[in-house]
Amino acid sequence: MQKQDGCQEGMLEHEAWIMNLTEANIGPSDPKWFKLYDGRETFGLNSLSAQEMSDLVDRFIVDEELFQIYYRNYVKQGDPKMERGCDAECKRGKLCSMVTSDFGNQTKCNEISRKMKLRN
């Protein structure tokens, strides 16, 4: 669920809600939905502004634990994806997709690759 500021065209909130599909298919009752995460709360953001999100991507580059929290939420804590994990190339791809709207322009992706190489 996203709440946007209509005047400034900025996102104010982002929450992800999910259900356990296996559990829903087993039981006769309605599925139980639960909040997977709240973007601002989970990542310690003051807002969801473009600058805050850019800073968050930089934090993901240097803070592997924080990135893994993102990845768990990205795959909605799905066991098969969690078991497979997300190696450096996977991480680069996820971060690249966050900062790129035109995949013909790899400037930001190249910047992420450079920053990741400096970390290793």
PDB file of N, CA and C in Angstrom:
ATOM      1  N   MET A   1       0.852  -1.157   0.000  1.00  0.00           N
ATOM      2  CA  MET A   1       0.000   0.000   0.000  1.00  0.00           C
ATOM      3  C   MET A   1       0.902   1.225   0.000  1.00  0.00           C
ATOM      4  N   GLN A   2       0.562   2.204  -0.814  1.00  0.00           N
ATOM      5  CA  GLN A   2       1.339   3.434  -0.887  1.00  0.00           C
ATOM      6  C   GLN A   2       0.422   4.622  -0.694  1.00  0.00           C
ATOM      7  N   LYS A   3       0.909   5.587   0.042  1.00  0.00           N
ATOM      8  CA  LYS A   3       0.181   6.841   0.205  1.00  0.00           C
ATOM      9  C   LYS A   3       1.046   7.924  -0.418  1.00  0.00           C
ATOM     10  N   GLN A   4       0.444   8.683  -1.347  1.00  0.00           N
ATOM     11  CA  GLN A   4       1.200   9.712  -2.047  1.00  0.00           C
ATOM     12  C   GLN A   4       0.662  11.089  -1.729  1.00  0.00           C
ATOM     13  N   ASP A   5       1.555  12.052  -1.798  1.00  0.00           N
ATOM     14  CA  ASP A   5       1.204  13.451  -1.632  1.00  0.00           C
ATOM     15  C   ASP A   5       0.816  13.986  -3.004  1.00  0.00           C
ATOM     16  N   GLY A   6      -0.446  14.250  -3.210  1.00  0.00           N
ATOM     17  CA  GLY A   6      -0.932  14.689  -4.512  1.00  0.00           C
ATOM     18  C   GLY A   6      -0.368  16.024  -4.959  1.00  0.00           C
ATOM     19  N   CYS A   7      -0.034  16.885  -4.028  1.00  0.00           N
ATOM     20  CA  CYS A   7       0.490  18.208  -4.383  1.00  0.00           C
ATOM     21  C   CYS A   7       1.940  18.138  -4.846  1.00  0.00           C
ATOM     22  N   GLN A   8       2.758  17.402  -4.124  1.00  0.00           N
ATOM     23  CA  GLN A   8       4.182  17.364  -4.440  1.00  0.00           C
ATOM     24  C   GLN A   8       4.574  16.121  -5.226  1.00  0.00           C
ATOM     25  N   GLU A   9       3.615  15.269  -5.495  1.00  0.00           N
ATOM     26  CA  GLU A   9       3.849  14.039  -6.238  1.00  0.00           C
ATOM     27  C   GLU A   9       4.930  13.166  -5.605  1.00  0.00           C
ATOM     28  N   GLY A  10       5.025  13.213  -4.295  1.00  0.00           N
ATOM     29  CA  GLY A  10       5.991  12.382  -3.580  1.00  0.00           C
ATOM     30  C   GLY A  10       5.283  11.296  -2.798  1.00  0.00           C
ATOM     31  N   MET A  11       5.974  10.200  -2.579  1.00  0.00           N
ATOM     32  CA  MET A  11       5.398   9.116  -1.810  1.00  0.00           C
ATOM     33  C   MET A  11       5.600   9.405  -0.325  1.00  0.00           C
ATOM     34  N   LEU A  12       4.555   9.248   0.463  1.00  0.00           N
ATOM     35  CA  LEU A  12       4.617   9.501   1.894  1.00  0.00           C
ATOM     36  C   LEU A  12       4.854   8.219   2.676  1.00  0.00           C
ATOM     37  N   GLU A  13       4.231   7.141   2.244  1.00  0.00           N
ATOM     38  CA  GLU A  13       4.331   5.868   2.956  1.00  0.00           C
ATOM     39  C   GLU A  13       4.383   4.719   1.962  1.00  0.00           C
ATOM     40  N   HIS A  14       5.001   3.632   2.404  1.00  0.00           N
ATOM     41  CA  HIS A  14       4.995   2.402   1.612  1.00  0.00           C
ATOM     42  C   HIS A  14       4.951   1.231   2.579  1.00  0.00           C
ATOM     43  N   GLU A  15       3.920   0.426   2.476  1.00  0.00           N
ATOM     44  CA  GLU A  15       3.782  -0.786   3.280  1.00  0.00           C
ATOM     45  C   GLU A  15       3.559  -1.958   2.347  1.00  0.00           C
ATOM     46  N   ALA A  16       4.069  -3.108   2.740  1.00  0.00           N
ATOM     47  CA  ALA A  16       3.819  -4.335   1.982  1.00  0.00           C
ATOM     48  C   ALA A  16       3.058  -5.303   2.882  1.00  0.00           C
ATOM     49  N   TRP A  17       1.968  -5.821   2.366  1.00  0.00           N
ATOM     50  CA  TRP A  17       1.133  -6.786   3.080  1.00  0.00           C
ATOM     51  C   TRP A  17       1.130  -8.086   2.293  1.00  0.00           C
ATOM     52  N   ILE A  18       1.202  -9.209   3.009  1.00  0.00           N
ATOM     53  CA  ILE A  18       1.211 -10.512   2.351  1.00  0.00           C
ATOM     54  C   ILE A  18       0.371 -11.502   3.143  1.00  0.00           C
ATOM     55  N   MET A  19       0.189 -12.660   2.544  1.00  0.00           N
ATOM     56  CA  MET A  19      -0.448 -13.783   3.236  1.00  0.00           C
ATOM     57  C   MET A  19       0.387 -15.021   2.948  1.00  0.00           C
ATOM     58  N   ASN A  20       0.243 -16.017   3.800  1.00  0.00           N
ATOM     59  CA  ASN A  20       0.918 -17.288   3.591  1.00  0.00           C
ATOM     60  C   ASN A  20       0.027 -18.118   2.670  1.00  0.00           C
ATOM     61  N   LEU A  21       0.446 -18.283   1.424  1.00  0.00           N
ATOM     62  CA  LEU A  21      -0.376 -18.962   0.424  1.00  0.00           C
ATOM     63  C   LEU A  21      -0.595 -20.433   0.770  1.00  0.00           C
ATOM     64  N   THR A  22       0.428 -21.090   1.294  1.00  0.00           N
ATOM     65  CA  THR A  22       0.284 -22.500   1.690  1.00  0.00           C
ATOM     66  C   THR A  22      -0.787 -22.633   2.759  1.00  0.00           C
ATOM     67  N   GLU A  23      -0.721 -21.771   3.758  1.00  0.00           N
ATOM     68  CA  GLU A  23      -1.708 -21.785   4.839  1.00  0.00           C
ATOM     69  C   GLU A  23      -3.106 -21.478   4.300  1.00  0.00           C
ATOM     70  N   ALA A  24      -3.201 -20.527   3.393  1.00  0.00           N
ATOM     71  CA  ALA A  24      -4.496 -20.150   2.821  1.00  0.00           C
ATOM     72  C   ALA A  24      -5.111 -21.294   2.029  1.00  0.00           C
ATOM     73  N   ASN A  25      -4.283 -22.074   1.341  1.00  0.00           N
ATOM     74  CA  ASN A  25      -4.793 -23.192   0.544  1.00  0.00           C
ATOM     75  C   ASN A  25      -5.210 -24.379   1.394  1.00  0.00           C
ATOM     76  N   ILE A  26      -4.656 -24.496   2.586  1.00  0.00           N
ATOM     77  CA  ILE A  26      -4.977 -25.628   3.463  1.00  0.00           C
ATOM     78  C   ILE A  26      -6.290 -25.403   4.200  1.00  0.00           C
ATOM     79  N   GLY A  27      -6.460 -24.212   4.744  1.00  0.00           N
ATOM     80  CA  GLY A  27      -7.603 -23.948   5.608  1.00  0.00           C
ATOM     81  C   GLY A  27      -8.834 -23.482   4.867  1.00  0.00           C
ATOM     82  N   PRO A  28     -10.002 -23.698   5.462  1.00  0.00           N
ATOM     83  CA  PRO A  28     -11.255 -23.268   4.843  1.00  0.00           C
ATOM     84  C   PRO A  28     -11.556 -21.783   5.082  1.00  0.00           C
ATOM     85  N   SER A  29     -10.874 -21.175   6.042  1.00  0.00           N
ATOM     86  CA  SER A  29     -11.182 -19.777   6.366  1.00  0.00           C
ATOM     87  C   SER A  29     -10.450 -18.818   5.427  1.00  0.00           C
ATOM     88  N   ASP A  30     -10.851 -17.575   5.502  1.00  0.00           N
ATOM     89  CA  ASP A  30     -10.209 -16.541   4.685  1.00  0.00           C
ATOM     90  C   ASP A  30      -8.723 -16.448   5.039  1.00  0.00           C
ATOM     91  N   PRO A  31      -7.899 -16.094   4.075  1.00  0.00           N
ATOM     92  CA  PRO A  31      -6.465 -15.965   4.362  1.00  0.00           C
ATOM     93  C   PRO A  31      -6.200 -14.852   5.374  1.00  0.00           C
ATOM     94  N   LYS A  32      -5.140 -15.030   6.134  1.00  0.00           N
ATOM     95  CA  LYS A  32      -4.749 -14.026   7.122  1.00  0.00           C
ATOM     96  C   LYS A  32      -3.653 -13.158   6.515  1.00  0.00           C
ATOM     97  N   TRP A  33      -3.984 -11.924   6.283  1.00  0.00           N
ATOM     98  CA  TRP A  33      -3.022 -10.970   5.743  1.00  0.00           C
ATOM     99  C   TRP A  33      -2.244 -10.354   6.895  1.00  0.00           C
ATOM    100  N   PHE A  34      -0.971 -10.095   6.674  1.00  0.00           N
ATOM    101  CA  PHE A  34      -0.172  -9.413   7.688  1.00  0.00           C
ATOM    102  C   PHE A  34       0.816  -8.466   7.016  1.00  0.00           C
ATOM    103  N   LYS A  35       1.171  -7.435   7.778  1.00  0.00           N
ATOM    104  CA  LYS A  35       2.098  -6.444   7.241  1.00  0.00           C
ATOM    105  C   LYS A  35       3.503  -7.032   7.248  1.00  0.00           C
ATOM    106  N   LEU A  36       4.101  -7.095   6.079  1.00  0.00           N
ATOM    107  CA  LEU A  36       5.465  -7.589   5.953  1.00  0.00           C
ATOM    108  C   LEU A  36       6.442  -6.523   6.436  1.00  0.00           C
ATOM    109  N   TYR A  37       6.254  -5.303   5.977  1.00  0.00           N
ATOM    110  CA  TYR A  37       7.118  -4.223   6.438  1.00  0.00           C
ATOM    111  C   TYR A  37       6.527  -2.864   6.103  1.00  0.00           C
ATOM    112  N   ASP A  38       7.034  -1.872   6.791  1.00  0.00           N
ATOM    113  CA  ASP A  38       6.753  -0.468   6.527  1.00  0.00           C
ATOM    114  C   ASP A  38       8.086   0.135   6.093  1.00  0.00           C
ATOM    115  N   GLY A  39       8.126   0.705   4.907  1.00  0.00           N
ATOM    116  CA  GLY A  39       9.385   1.182   4.340  1.00  0.00           C
ATOM    117  C   GLY A  39      10.147   2.159   5.215  1.00  0.00           C
ATOM    118  N   ARG A  40       9.488   3.168   5.718  1.00  0.00           N
ATOM    119  CA  ARG A  40      10.178   4.168   6.543  1.00  0.00           C
ATOM    120  C   ARG A  40      10.661   3.560   7.849  1.00  0.00           C
ATOM    121  N   GLU A  41       9.803   2.799   8.490  1.00  0.00           N
ATOM    122  CA  GLU A  41      10.140   2.212   9.784  1.00  0.00           C
ATOM    123  C   GLU A  41      11.267   1.181   9.659  1.00  0.00           C
ATOM    124  N   THR A  42      11.144   0.273   8.713  1.00  0.00           N
ATOM    125  CA  THR A  42      12.115  -0.811   8.564  1.00  0.00           C
ATOM    126  C   THR A  42      13.511  -0.296   8.266  1.00  0.00           C
ATOM    127  N   PHE A  43      13.605   0.738   7.444  1.00  0.00           N
ATOM    128  CA  PHE A  43      14.919   1.213   7.010  1.00  0.00           C
ATOM    129  C   PHE A  43      15.343   2.521   7.675  1.00  0.00           C
ATOM    130  N   GLY A  44      14.578   2.955   8.693  1.00  0.00           N
ATOM    131  CA  GLY A  44      14.948   4.140   9.455  1.00  0.00           C
ATOM    132  C   GLY A  44      14.984   5.415   8.634  1.00  0.00           C
ATOM    133  N   LEU A  45      13.967   5.602   7.807  1.00  0.00           N
ATOM    134  CA  LEU A  45      13.919   6.771   6.928  1.00  0.00           C
ATOM    135  C   LEU A  45      13.018   7.852   7.515  1.00  0.00           C
ATOM    136  N   ASN A  46      13.405   9.100   7.320  1.00  0.00           N
ATOM    137  CA  ASN A  46      12.555  10.221   7.726  1.00  0.00           C
ATOM    138  C   ASN A  46      11.432  10.442   6.730  1.00  0.00           C
ATOM    139  N   SER A  47      11.708  10.122   5.475  1.00  0.00           N
ATOM    140  CA  SER A  47      10.718  10.290   4.415  1.00  0.00           C
ATOM    141  C   SER A  47      11.051   9.294   3.308  1.00  0.00           C
ATOM    142  N   LEU A  48      10.239   9.304   2.276  1.00  0.00           N
ATOM    143  CA  LEU A  48      10.509   8.467   1.106  1.00  0.00           C
ATOM    144  C   LEU A  48      10.877   9.351  -0.087  1.00  0.00           C
ATOM    145  N   SER A  49      11.544  10.448   0.209  1.00  0.00           N
ATOM    146  CA  SER A  49      11.970  11.371  -0.845  1.00  0.00           C
ATOM    147  C   SER A  49      13.032  10.708  -1.718  1.00  0.00           C
ATOM    148  N   ALA A  50      13.233  11.280  -2.885  1.00  0.00           N
ATOM    149  CA  ALA A  50      14.242  10.738  -3.801  1.00  0.00           C
ATOM    150  C   ALA A  50      15.622  10.731  -3.151  1.00  0.00           C
ATOM    151  N   GLN A  51      15.957  11.778  -2.397  1.00  0.00           N
ATOM    152  CA  GLN A  51      17.273  11.842  -1.750  1.00  0.00           C
ATOM    153  C   GLN A  51      17.412  10.768  -0.675  1.00  0.00           C
ATOM    154  N   GLU A  52      16.369  10.574   0.136  1.00  0.00           N
ATOM    155  CA  GLU A  52      16.403   9.529   1.173  1.00  0.00           C
ATOM    156  C   GLU A  52      16.571   8.152   0.536  1.00  0.00           C
ATOM    157  N   MET A  53      15.874   7.923  -0.575  1.00  0.00           N
ATOM    158  CA  MET A  53      15.976   6.626  -1.241  1.00  0.00           C
ATOM    159  C   MET A  53      17.364   6.436  -1.846  1.00  0.00           C
ATOM    160  N   SER A  54      17.929   7.488  -2.398  1.00  0.00           N
ATOM    161  CA  SER A  54      19.286   7.416  -2.940  1.00  0.00           C
ATOM    162  C   SER A  54      20.286   7.103  -1.827  1.00  0.00           C
ATOM    163  N   ASP A  55      20.115   7.763  -0.688  1.00  0.00           N
ATOM    164  CA  ASP A  55      20.982   7.496   0.460  1.00  0.00           C
ATOM    165  C   ASP A  55      20.815   6.062   0.951  1.00  0.00           C
ATOM    166  N   LEU A  56      19.584   5.547   0.894  1.00  0.00           N
ATOM    167  CA  LEU A  56      19.334   4.169   1.314  1.00  0.00           C
ATOM    168  C   LEU A  56      20.071   3.186   0.411  1.00  0.00           C
ATOM    169  N   VAL A  57      20.067   3.421  -0.879  1.00  0.00           N
ATOM    170  CA  VAL A  57      20.809   2.550  -1.800  1.00  0.00           C
ATOM    171  C   VAL A  57      22.289   2.560  -1.434  1.00  0.00           C
ATOM    172  N   ASP A  58      22.834   3.731  -1.110  1.00  0.00           N
ATOM    173  CA  ASP A  58      24.236   3.803  -0.680  1.00  0.00           C
ATOM    174  C   ASP A  58      24.458   3.014   0.608  1.00  0.00           C
ATOM    175  N   ARG A  59      23.499   3.069   1.512  1.00  0.00           N
ATOM    176  CA  ARG A  59      23.611   2.274   2.750  1.00  0.00           C
ATOM    177  C   ARG A  59      23.560   0.786   2.437  1.00  0.00           C
ATOM    178  N   PHE A  60      22.708   0.384   1.488  1.00  0.00           N
ATOM    179  CA  PHE A  60      22.644  -1.032   1.103  1.00  0.00           C
ATOM    180  C   PHE A  60      23.995  -1.520   0.583  1.00  0.00           C
ATOM    181  N   ILE A  61      24.716  -0.661  -0.112  1.00  0.00           N
ATOM    182  CA  ILE A  61      26.014  -1.052  -0.665  1.00  0.00           C
ATOM    183  C   ILE A  61      26.988  -1.416   0.451  1.00  0.00           C
ATOM    184  N   VAL A  62      27.001  -0.649   1.527  1.00  0.00           N
ATOM    185  CA  VAL A  62      27.996  -0.855   2.588  1.00  0.00           C
ATOM    186  C   VAL A  62      27.497  -1.704   3.753  1.00  0.00           C
ATOM    187  N   ASP A  63      26.198  -1.819   3.924  1.00  0.00           N
ATOM    188  CA  ASP A  63      25.632  -2.545   5.069  1.00  0.00           C
ATOM    189  C   ASP A  63      24.922  -3.803   4.570  1.00  0.00           C
ATOM    190  N   GLU A  64      25.645  -4.909   4.587  1.00  0.00           N
ATOM    191  CA  GLU A  64      25.103  -6.161   4.049  1.00  0.00           C
ATOM    192  C   GLU A  64      23.883  -6.638   4.826  1.00  0.00           C
ATOM    193  N   GLU A  65      23.894  -6.460   6.132  1.00  0.00           N
ATOM    194  CA  GLU A  65      22.754  -6.882   6.949  1.00  0.00           C
ATOM    195  C   GLU A  65      21.495  -6.104   6.561  1.00  0.00           C
ATOM    196  N   LEU A  66      21.641  -4.818   6.356  1.00  0.00           N
ATOM    197  CA  LEU A  66      20.503  -3.993   5.943  1.00  0.00           C
ATOM    198  C   LEU A  66      20.009  -4.419   4.565  1.00  0.00           C
ATOM    199  N   PHE A  67      20.941  -4.699   3.647  1.00  0.00           N
ATOM    200  CA  PHE A  67      20.529  -5.155   2.322  1.00  0.00           C
ATOM    201  C   PHE A  67      19.772  -6.477   2.418  1.00  0.00           C
ATOM    202  N   GLN A  68      20.221  -7.386   3.286  1.00  0.00           N
ATOM    203  CA  GLN A  68      19.547  -8.677   3.425  1.00  0.00           C
ATOM    204  C   GLN A  68      18.127  -8.509   3.969  1.00  0.00           C
ATOM    205  N   ILE A  69      17.910  -7.519   4.814  1.00  0.00           N
ATOM    206  CA  ILE A  69      16.544  -7.215   5.271  1.00  0.00           C
ATOM    207  C   ILE A  69      15.700  -6.810   4.067  1.00  0.00           C
ATOM    208  N   TYR A  70      16.262  -5.943   3.233  1.00  0.00           N
ATOM    209  CA  TYR A  70      15.561  -5.549   2.005  1.00  0.00           C
ATOM    210  C   TYR A  70      15.258  -6.781   1.148  1.00  0.00           C
ATOM    211  N   TYR A  71      16.269  -7.633   0.952  1.00  0.00           N
ATOM    212  CA  TYR A  71      16.094  -8.793   0.074  1.00  0.00           C
ATOM    213  C   TYR A  71      15.025  -9.742   0.620  1.00  0.00           C
ATOM    214  N   ARG A  72      15.030  -9.994   1.924  1.00  0.00           N
ATOM    215  CA  ARG A  72      13.994 -10.863   2.520  1.00  0.00           C
ATOM    216  C   ARG A  72      12.608 -10.303   2.233  1.00  0.00           C
ATOM    217  N   ASN A  73      12.466  -8.991   2.356  1.00  0.00           N
ATOM    218  CA  ASN A  73      11.176  -8.370   2.067  1.00  0.00           C
ATOM    219  C   ASN A  73      10.871  -8.380   0.577  1.00  0.00           C
ATOM    220  N   TYR A  74      11.887  -8.204  -0.241  1.00  0.00           N
ATOM    221  CA  TYR A  74      11.712  -8.218  -1.700  1.00  0.00           C
ATOM    222  C   TYR A  74      11.149  -9.560  -2.168  1.00  0.00           C
ATOM    223  N   VAL A  75      11.667 -10.655  -1.618  1.00  0.00           N
ATOM    224  CA  VAL A  75      11.192 -11.988  -2.014  1.00  0.00           C
ATOM    225  C   VAL A  75      10.040 -12.446  -1.123  1.00  0.00           C
ATOM    226  N   LYS A  76       9.542 -11.525  -0.331  1.00  0.00           N
ATOM    227  CA  LYS A  76       8.402 -11.768   0.558  1.00  0.00           C
ATOM    228  C   LYS A  76       8.637 -12.973   1.460  1.00  0.00           C
ATOM    229  N   GLN A  77       9.885 -13.096   1.910  1.00  0.00           N
ATOM    230  CA  GLN A  77      10.334 -14.149   2.818  1.00  0.00           C
ATOM    231  C   GLN A  77      10.042 -15.538   2.275  1.00  0.00           C
ATOM    232  N   GLY A  78      10.003 -15.661   0.957  1.00  0.00           N
ATOM    233  CA  GLY A  78       9.751 -16.950   0.308  1.00  0.00           C
ATOM    234  C   GLY A  78      10.931 -17.898   0.478  1.00  0.00           C
ATOM    235  N   ASP A  79      10.655 -19.084   0.990  1.00  0.00           N
ATOM    236  CA  ASP A  79      11.713 -20.044   1.300  1.00  0.00           C
ATOM    237  C   ASP A  79      12.643 -20.355   0.129  1.00  0.00           C
ATOM    238  N   PRO A  80      12.140 -20.666  -1.064  1.00  0.00           N
ATOM    239  CA  PRO A  80      13.070 -21.015  -2.153  1.00  0.00           C
ATOM    240  C   PRO A  80      14.067 -19.897  -2.462  1.00  0.00           C
ATOM    241  N   LYS A  81      13.587 -18.665  -2.513  1.00  0.00           N
ATOM    242  CA  LYS A  81      14.476 -17.532  -2.811  1.00  0.00           C
ATOM    243  C   LYS A  81      15.421 -17.264  -1.647  1.00  0.00           C
ATOM    244  N   MET A  82      14.937 -17.426  -0.427  1.00  0.00           N
ATOM    245  CA  MET A  82      15.784 -17.201   0.737  1.00  0.00           C
ATOM    246  C   MET A  82      16.915 -18.227   0.778  1.00  0.00           C
ATOM    247  N   GLU A  83      16.598 -19.473   0.442  1.00  0.00           N
ATOM    248  CA  GLU A  83      17.621 -20.520   0.433  1.00  0.00           C
ATOM    249  C   GLU A  83      18.687 -20.223  -0.612  1.00  0.00           C
ATOM    250  N   ARG A  84      18.274 -19.746  -1.768  1.00  0.00           N
ATOM    251  CA  ARG A  84      19.198 -19.422  -2.846  1.00  0.00           C
ATOM    252  C   ARG A  84      20.067 -18.224  -2.492  1.00  0.00           C
ATOM    253  N   GLY A  85      19.478 -17.275  -1.775  1.00  0.00           N
ATOM    254  CA  GLY A  85      20.210 -16.085  -1.373  1.00  0.00           C
ATOM    255  C   GLY A  85      20.407 -15.108  -2.517  1.00  0.00           C
ATOM    256  N   CYS A  86      21.179 -14.082  -2.229  1.00  0.00           N
ATOM    257  CA  CYS A  86      21.430 -13.025  -3.213  1.00  0.00           C
ATOM    258  C   CYS A  86      22.911 -12.677  -3.149  1.00  0.00           C
ATOM    259  N   ASP A  87      23.668 -13.165  -4.126  1.00  0.00           N
ATOM    260  CA  ASP A  87      25.110 -12.913  -4.169  1.00  0.00           C
ATOM    261  C   ASP A  87      25.384 -11.492  -4.676  1.00  0.00           C
ATOM    262  N   ALA A  88      26.661 -11.169  -4.873  1.00  0.00           N
ATOM    263  CA  ALA A  88      27.043  -9.807  -5.268  1.00  0.00           C
ATOM    264  C   ALA A  88      26.406  -9.383  -6.589  1.00  0.00           C
ATOM    265  N   GLU A  89      26.342 -10.288  -7.552  1.00  0.00           N
ATOM    266  CA  GLU A  89      25.745  -9.935  -8.848  1.00  0.00           C
ATOM    267  C   GLU A  89      24.238  -9.711  -8.709  1.00  0.00           C
ATOM    268  N   CYS A  90      23.590 -10.541  -7.907  1.00  0.00           N
ATOM    269  CA  CYS A  90      22.163 -10.361  -7.616  1.00  0.00           C
ATOM    270  C   CYS A  90      21.944  -9.010  -6.935  1.00  0.00           C
ATOM    271  N   LYS A  91      22.780  -8.724  -5.937  1.00  0.00           N
ATOM    272  CA  LYS A  91      22.671  -7.456  -5.203  1.00  0.00           C
ATOM    273  C   LYS A  91      22.829  -6.278  -6.154  1.00  0.00           C
ATOM    274  N   ARG A  92      23.816  -6.339  -7.020  1.00  0.00           N
ATOM    275  CA  ARG A  92      24.038  -5.270  -7.987  1.00  0.00           C
ATOM    276  C   ARG A  92      22.797  -5.074  -8.855  1.00  0.00           C
ATOM    277  N   GLY A  93      22.195  -6.177  -9.296  1.00  0.00           N
ATOM    278  CA  GLY A  93      20.993  -6.097 -10.120  1.00  0.00           C
ATOM    279  C   GLY A  93      19.821  -5.472  -9.391  1.00  0.00           C
ATOM    280  N   LYS A  94      19.628  -5.858  -8.136  1.00  0.00           N
ATOM    281  CA  LYS A  94      18.522  -5.289  -7.351  1.00  0.00           C
ATOM    282  C   LYS A  94      18.731  -3.792  -7.144  1.00  0.00           C
ATOM    283  N   LEU A  95      19.969  -3.417  -6.771  1.00  0.00           N
ATOM    284  CA  LEU A  95      20.251  -1.999  -6.539  1.00  0.00           C
ATOM    285  C   LEU A  95      20.140  -1.204  -7.832  1.00  0.00           C
ATOM    286  N   CYS A  96      20.606  -1.783  -8.910  1.00  0.00           N
ATOM    287  CA  CYS A  96      20.524  -1.125 -10.215  1.00  0.00           C
ATOM    288  C   CYS A  96      19.065  -0.859 -10.591  1.00  0.00           C
ATOM    289  N   SER A  97      18.207  -1.821 -10.348  1.00  0.00           N
ATOM    290  CA  SER A  97      16.796  -1.632 -10.711  1.00  0.00           C
ATOM    291  C   SER A  97      16.133  -0.554  -9.860  1.00  0.00           C
ATOM    292  N   MET A  98      16.673  -0.307  -8.657  1.00  0.00           N
ATOM    293  CA  MET A  98      16.121   0.748  -7.804  1.00  0.00           C
ATOM    294  C   MET A  98      16.430   2.144  -8.329  1.00  0.00           C
ATOM    295  N   VAL A  99      17.573   2.285  -8.990  1.00  0.00           N
ATOM    296  CA  VAL A  99      18.028   3.627  -9.371  1.00  0.00           C
ATOM    297  C   VAL A  99      17.908   3.917 -10.864  1.00  0.00           C
ATOM    298  N   THR A 100      17.407   2.964 -11.626  1.00  0.00           N
ATOM    299  CA  THR A 100      17.368   3.121 -13.075  1.00  0.00           C
ATOM    300  C   THR A 100      15.940   3.028 -13.593  1.00  0.00           C
ATOM    301  N   SER A 101      15.532   4.047 -14.328  1.00  0.00           N
ATOM    302  CA  SER A 101      14.226   3.973 -14.981  1.00  0.00           C
ATOM    303  C   SER A 101      14.393   3.751 -16.478  1.00  0.00           C
ATOM    304  N   ASP A 102      15.565   4.075 -16.991  1.00  0.00           N
ATOM    305  CA  ASP A 102      15.883   3.873 -18.406  1.00  0.00           C
ATOM    306  C   ASP A 102      17.038   2.884 -18.474  1.00  0.00           C
ATOM    307  N   PHE A 103      16.733   1.631 -18.785  1.00  0.00           N
ATOM    308  CA  PHE A 103      17.768   0.603 -18.762  1.00  0.00           C
ATOM    309  C   PHE A 103      18.770   0.745 -19.903  1.00  0.00           C
ATOM    310  N   GLY A 104      18.542   1.688 -20.802  1.00  0.00           N
ATOM    311  CA  GLY A 104      19.536   2.006 -21.815  1.00  0.00           C
ATOM    312  C   GLY A 104      20.635   2.905 -21.257  1.00  0.00           C
ATOM    313  N   ASN A 105      20.348   3.536 -20.126  1.00  0.00           N
ATOM    314  CA  ASN A 105      21.318   4.417 -19.473  1.00  0.00           C
ATOM    315  C   ASN A 105      21.843   3.702 -18.227  1.00  0.00           C
ATOM    316  N   GLN A 106      23.051   3.215 -18.291  1.00  0.00           N
ATOM    317  CA  GLN A 106      23.636   2.434 -17.197  1.00  0.00           C
ATOM    318  C   GLN A 106      24.527   3.263 -16.266  1.00  0.00           C
ATOM    319  N   THR A 107      24.435   4.578 -16.329  1.00  0.00           N
ATOM    320  CA  THR A 107      25.295   5.449 -15.524  1.00  0.00           C
ATOM    321  C   THR A 107      25.205   5.116 -14.040  1.00  0.00           C
ATOM    322  N   LYS A 108      24.001   5.060 -13.501  1.00  0.00           N
ATOM    323  CA  LYS A 108      23.822   4.775 -12.071  1.00  0.00           C
ATOM    324  C   LYS A 108      24.246   3.346 -11.735  1.00  0.00           C
ATOM    325  N   CYS A 109      23.971   2.415 -12.627  1.00  0.00           N
ATOM    326  CA  CYS A 109      24.383   1.023 -12.396  1.00  0.00           C
ATOM    327  C   CYS A 109      25.902   0.918 -12.344  1.00  0.00           C
ATOM    328  N   ASN A 110      26.565   1.620 -13.239  1.00  0.00           N
ATOM    329  CA  ASN A 110      28.028   1.614 -13.244  1.00  0.00           C
ATOM    330  C   ASN A 110      28.585   2.225 -11.962  1.00  0.00           C
ATOM    331  N   GLU A 111      27.910   3.246 -11.470  1.00  0.00           N
ATOM    332  CA  GLU A 111      28.321   3.879 -10.212  1.00  0.00           C
ATOM    333  C   GLU A 111      28.180   2.889  -9.053  1.00  0.00           C
ATOM    334  N   ILE A 112      27.083   2.147  -9.034  1.00  0.00           N
ATOM    335  CA  ILE A 112      26.884   1.133  -7.995  1.00  0.00           C
ATOM    336  C   ILE A 112      27.966   0.065  -8.085  1.00  0.00           C
ATOM    337  N   SER A 113      28.252  -0.400  -9.290  1.00  0.00           N
ATOM    338  CA  SER A 113      29.305  -1.410  -9.474  1.00  0.00           C
ATOM    339  C   SER A 113      30.640  -0.901  -8.945  1.00  0.00           C
ATOM    340  N   ARG A 114      30.965   0.340  -9.251  1.00  0.00           N
ATOM    341  CA  ARG A 114      32.224   0.926  -8.791  1.00  0.00           C
ATOM    342  C   ARG A 114      32.273   0.980  -7.263  1.00  0.00           C
ATOM    343  N   LYS A 115      31.185   1.421  -6.641  1.00  0.00           N
ATOM    344  CA  LYS A 115      31.136   1.501  -5.177  1.00  0.00           C
ATOM    345  C   LYS A 115      31.240   0.116  -4.546  1.00  0.00           C
ATOM    346  N   MET A 116      30.597  -0.877  -5.166  1.00  0.00           N
ATOM    347  CA  MET A 116      30.667  -2.239  -4.626  1.00  0.00           C
ATOM    348  C   MET A 116      32.083  -2.788  -4.742  1.00  0.00           C
ATOM    349  N   LYS A 117      32.769  -2.506  -5.834  1.00  0.00           N
ATOM    350  CA  LYS A 117      34.154  -2.976  -6.008  1.00  0.00           C
ATOM    351  C   LYS A 117      35.077  -2.335  -4.992  1.00  0.00           C
ATOM    352  N   LEU A 118      34.846  -1.076  -4.668  1.00  0.00           N
ATOM    353  CA  LEU A 118      35.661  -0.391  -3.668  1.00  0.00           C
ATOM    354  C   LEU A 118      35.505  -1.029  -2.291  1.00  0.00           C
ATOM    355  N   ARG A 119      34.348  -1.612  -2.051  1.00  0.00           N
ATOM    356  CA  ARG A 119      34.082  -2.270  -0.756  1.00  0.00           C
ATOM    357  C   ARG A 119      34.832  -3.586  -0.625  1.00  0.00           C
ATOM    358  N   ASN A 120      35.145  -4.226  -1.726  1.00  0.00           N
ATOM    359  CA  ASN A 120      35.777  -5.557  -1.681  1.00  0.00           C
ATOM    360  C   ASN A 120      37.261  -5.490  -1.731  1.00  0.00           C
TER     361      ASN A 120
END
